Protein backbone atom coordinates (compact mmCIF):
# COMPACT_ATOMS: atom_id res chain seq x y z
CA GLN A 1 -15.46 3.87 43.34
CA VAL A 2 -12.56 5.64 41.66
CA HIS A 3 -9.88 3.31 40.39
CA LEU A 4 -7.62 5.63 38.39
CA VAL A 5 -6.69 9.22 39.17
CA GLU A 6 -4.53 11.11 36.68
CA SER A 7 -2.81 14.43 37.37
CA GLY A 8 0.02 16.67 36.24
CA GLY A 9 -1.34 18.11 33.02
CA GLY A 10 -1.34 21.75 32.09
CA LEU A 11 -0.45 24.35 29.51
CA VAL A 12 3.11 24.25 28.25
CA GLN A 13 4.99 25.86 25.40
CA PRO A 14 6.38 23.79 22.54
CA GLY A 15 9.63 22.20 23.62
CA GLY A 16 8.58 22.13 27.24
CA SER A 17 8.13 19.23 29.64
CA LEU A 18 5.47 17.80 31.89
CA ARG A 19 5.33 14.83 34.22
CA LEU A 20 2.00 13.04 34.54
CA SER A 21 1.04 10.77 37.41
CA CYS A 22 -1.61 8.11 37.71
CA VAL A 23 -2.57 6.50 40.99
CA ALA A 24 -4.35 3.18 40.64
CA SER A 25 -6.30 1.34 43.26
CA GLY A 26 -4.72 -1.84 44.45
CA SER A 27 -6.98 -4.17 42.54
CA ILE A 28 -6.31 -2.37 39.25
CA PHE A 29 -2.58 -1.86 39.38
CA ARG A 30 -0.57 -4.41 37.43
CA PRO A 31 3.14 -3.55 37.14
CA ASN A 32 3.56 -5.09 33.70
CA ALA A 33 0.18 -4.20 32.28
CA MET A 34 -0.23 -0.47 32.77
CA GLY A 35 -0.06 2.17 30.11
CA TRP A 36 -0.79 5.74 29.14
CA TYR A 37 -3.35 6.65 26.52
CA ARG A 38 -4.35 9.97 25.04
CA GLN A 39 -7.32 11.35 23.18
CA ALA A 40 -7.08 14.48 21.11
CA PRO A 41 -10.19 16.45 20.12
CA GLY A 42 -12.08 14.66 17.38
CA LYS A 43 -9.77 11.64 17.44
CA GLN A 44 -9.89 8.15 18.89
CA ARG A 45 -8.08 7.28 22.06
CA GLU A 46 -4.60 5.93 21.36
CA LEU A 47 -2.06 4.05 23.44
CA VAL A 48 1.19 6.00 23.67
CA ALA A 49 3.32 4.18 26.25
CA PHE A 50 3.06 0.97 28.21
CA PHE A 51 4.83 -1.73 30.15
CA SER A 52 4.95 -5.05 28.38
CA SER A 53 4.34 -8.43 29.93
CA MET A 54 8.06 -9.13 29.54
CA GLY A 55 8.87 -6.14 31.74
CA GLY A 56 10.05 -3.75 29.07
CA THR A 57 8.55 -0.51 27.85
CA ASN A 58 6.95 0.32 24.54
CA TYR A 59 6.11 3.58 22.86
CA ALA A 60 4.10 4.84 19.95
CA ASP A 61 6.30 6.06 17.13
CA SER A 62 5.00 9.59 17.62
CA VAL A 63 6.40 9.84 21.17
CA ARG A 64 9.39 7.50 21.16
CA GLY A 65 12.52 9.27 22.33
CA ARG A 66 10.53 12.07 23.96
CA PHE A 67 8.27 10.31 26.48
CA THR A 68 9.31 7.94 29.26
CA ILE A 69 6.97 5.72 31.26
CA SER A 70 7.93 4.65 34.75
CA ARG A 71 6.24 3.34 37.86
CA ASP A 72 6.43 3.06 41.62
CA ASN A 73 4.97 -0.29 42.57
CA ALA A 74 4.79 0.53 46.26
CA LYS A 75 2.72 3.62 45.52
CA LYS A 76 0.75 1.91 42.74
CA THR A 77 1.58 4.91 40.60
CA VAL A 78 2.51 5.18 36.95
CA TYR A 79 4.31 8.22 35.56
CA LEU A 80 4.78 9.69 32.12
CA GLN A 81 7.67 12.08 31.65
CA MET A 82 7.03 14.09 28.52
CA ASN A 83 9.86 16.14 27.02
CA SER A 84 10.19 18.16 23.83
CA LEU A 85 6.45 18.56 23.72
CA LYS A 86 4.80 19.44 20.43
CA PRO A 87 1.42 21.01 19.66
CA GLU A 88 0.27 17.62 18.34
CA ASP A 89 0.74 16.18 21.84
CA THR A 90 -2.26 18.23 22.95
CA ALA A 91 -4.81 15.77 24.32
CA VAL A 92 -6.42 14.40 27.43
CA TYR A 93 -4.14 11.75 28.89
CA PHE A 94 -5.43 8.67 30.67
CA CYS A 95 -3.90 5.63 32.24
CA ASN A 96 -5.34 2.13 32.35
CA ARG A 97 -4.35 -1.44 31.93
CA VAL A 98 -3.27 -2.51 28.46
CA VAL A 99 -4.74 -5.99 28.81
CA GLY A 100 -8.18 -6.84 30.14
CA PRO A 101 -10.04 -6.57 32.32
CA PHE A 102 -9.81 -2.83 31.96
CA ALA A 103 -10.72 -0.45 34.72
CA SER A 104 -13.30 2.26 34.32
CA TRP A 105 -11.63 5.26 32.74
CA GLY A 106 -10.63 8.09 35.01
CA GLN A 107 -11.13 11.78 34.34
CA GLY A 108 -7.81 12.06 32.62
CA THR A 109 -5.52 15.07 32.72
CA GLN A 110 -5.50 17.75 30.03
CA VAL A 111 -2.23 18.57 28.29
CA MET A 112 -2.14 21.59 26.03
CA VAL A 113 0.98 22.50 24.09
CA SER A 114 0.75 25.97 22.69
CA SER A 115 2.75 29.15 22.39
């Protein structure tokens, strides 16, 4: 059973933008506990943006001011708007909860930033 389906990745030039989407099954989606992670080649998976339990949003220092997380509760979908992309943003992007129990990881969506 697939719980998380990410999409929207692709190849983009430095300075470009992408919008990622993640559809979560009803039992997984938690409006104030969803986030976006990424894993670059040879590196550990890191949390880059998430909704906090207080209802706000939080970002890793490396993406703050460039990435924006949003959601559509009715569609059980989380988005990540990525602007001013840099080569170091190249990674596979995943969504999941940020507090347990975590869902099984989806396939992710590949983002490559290159000229």
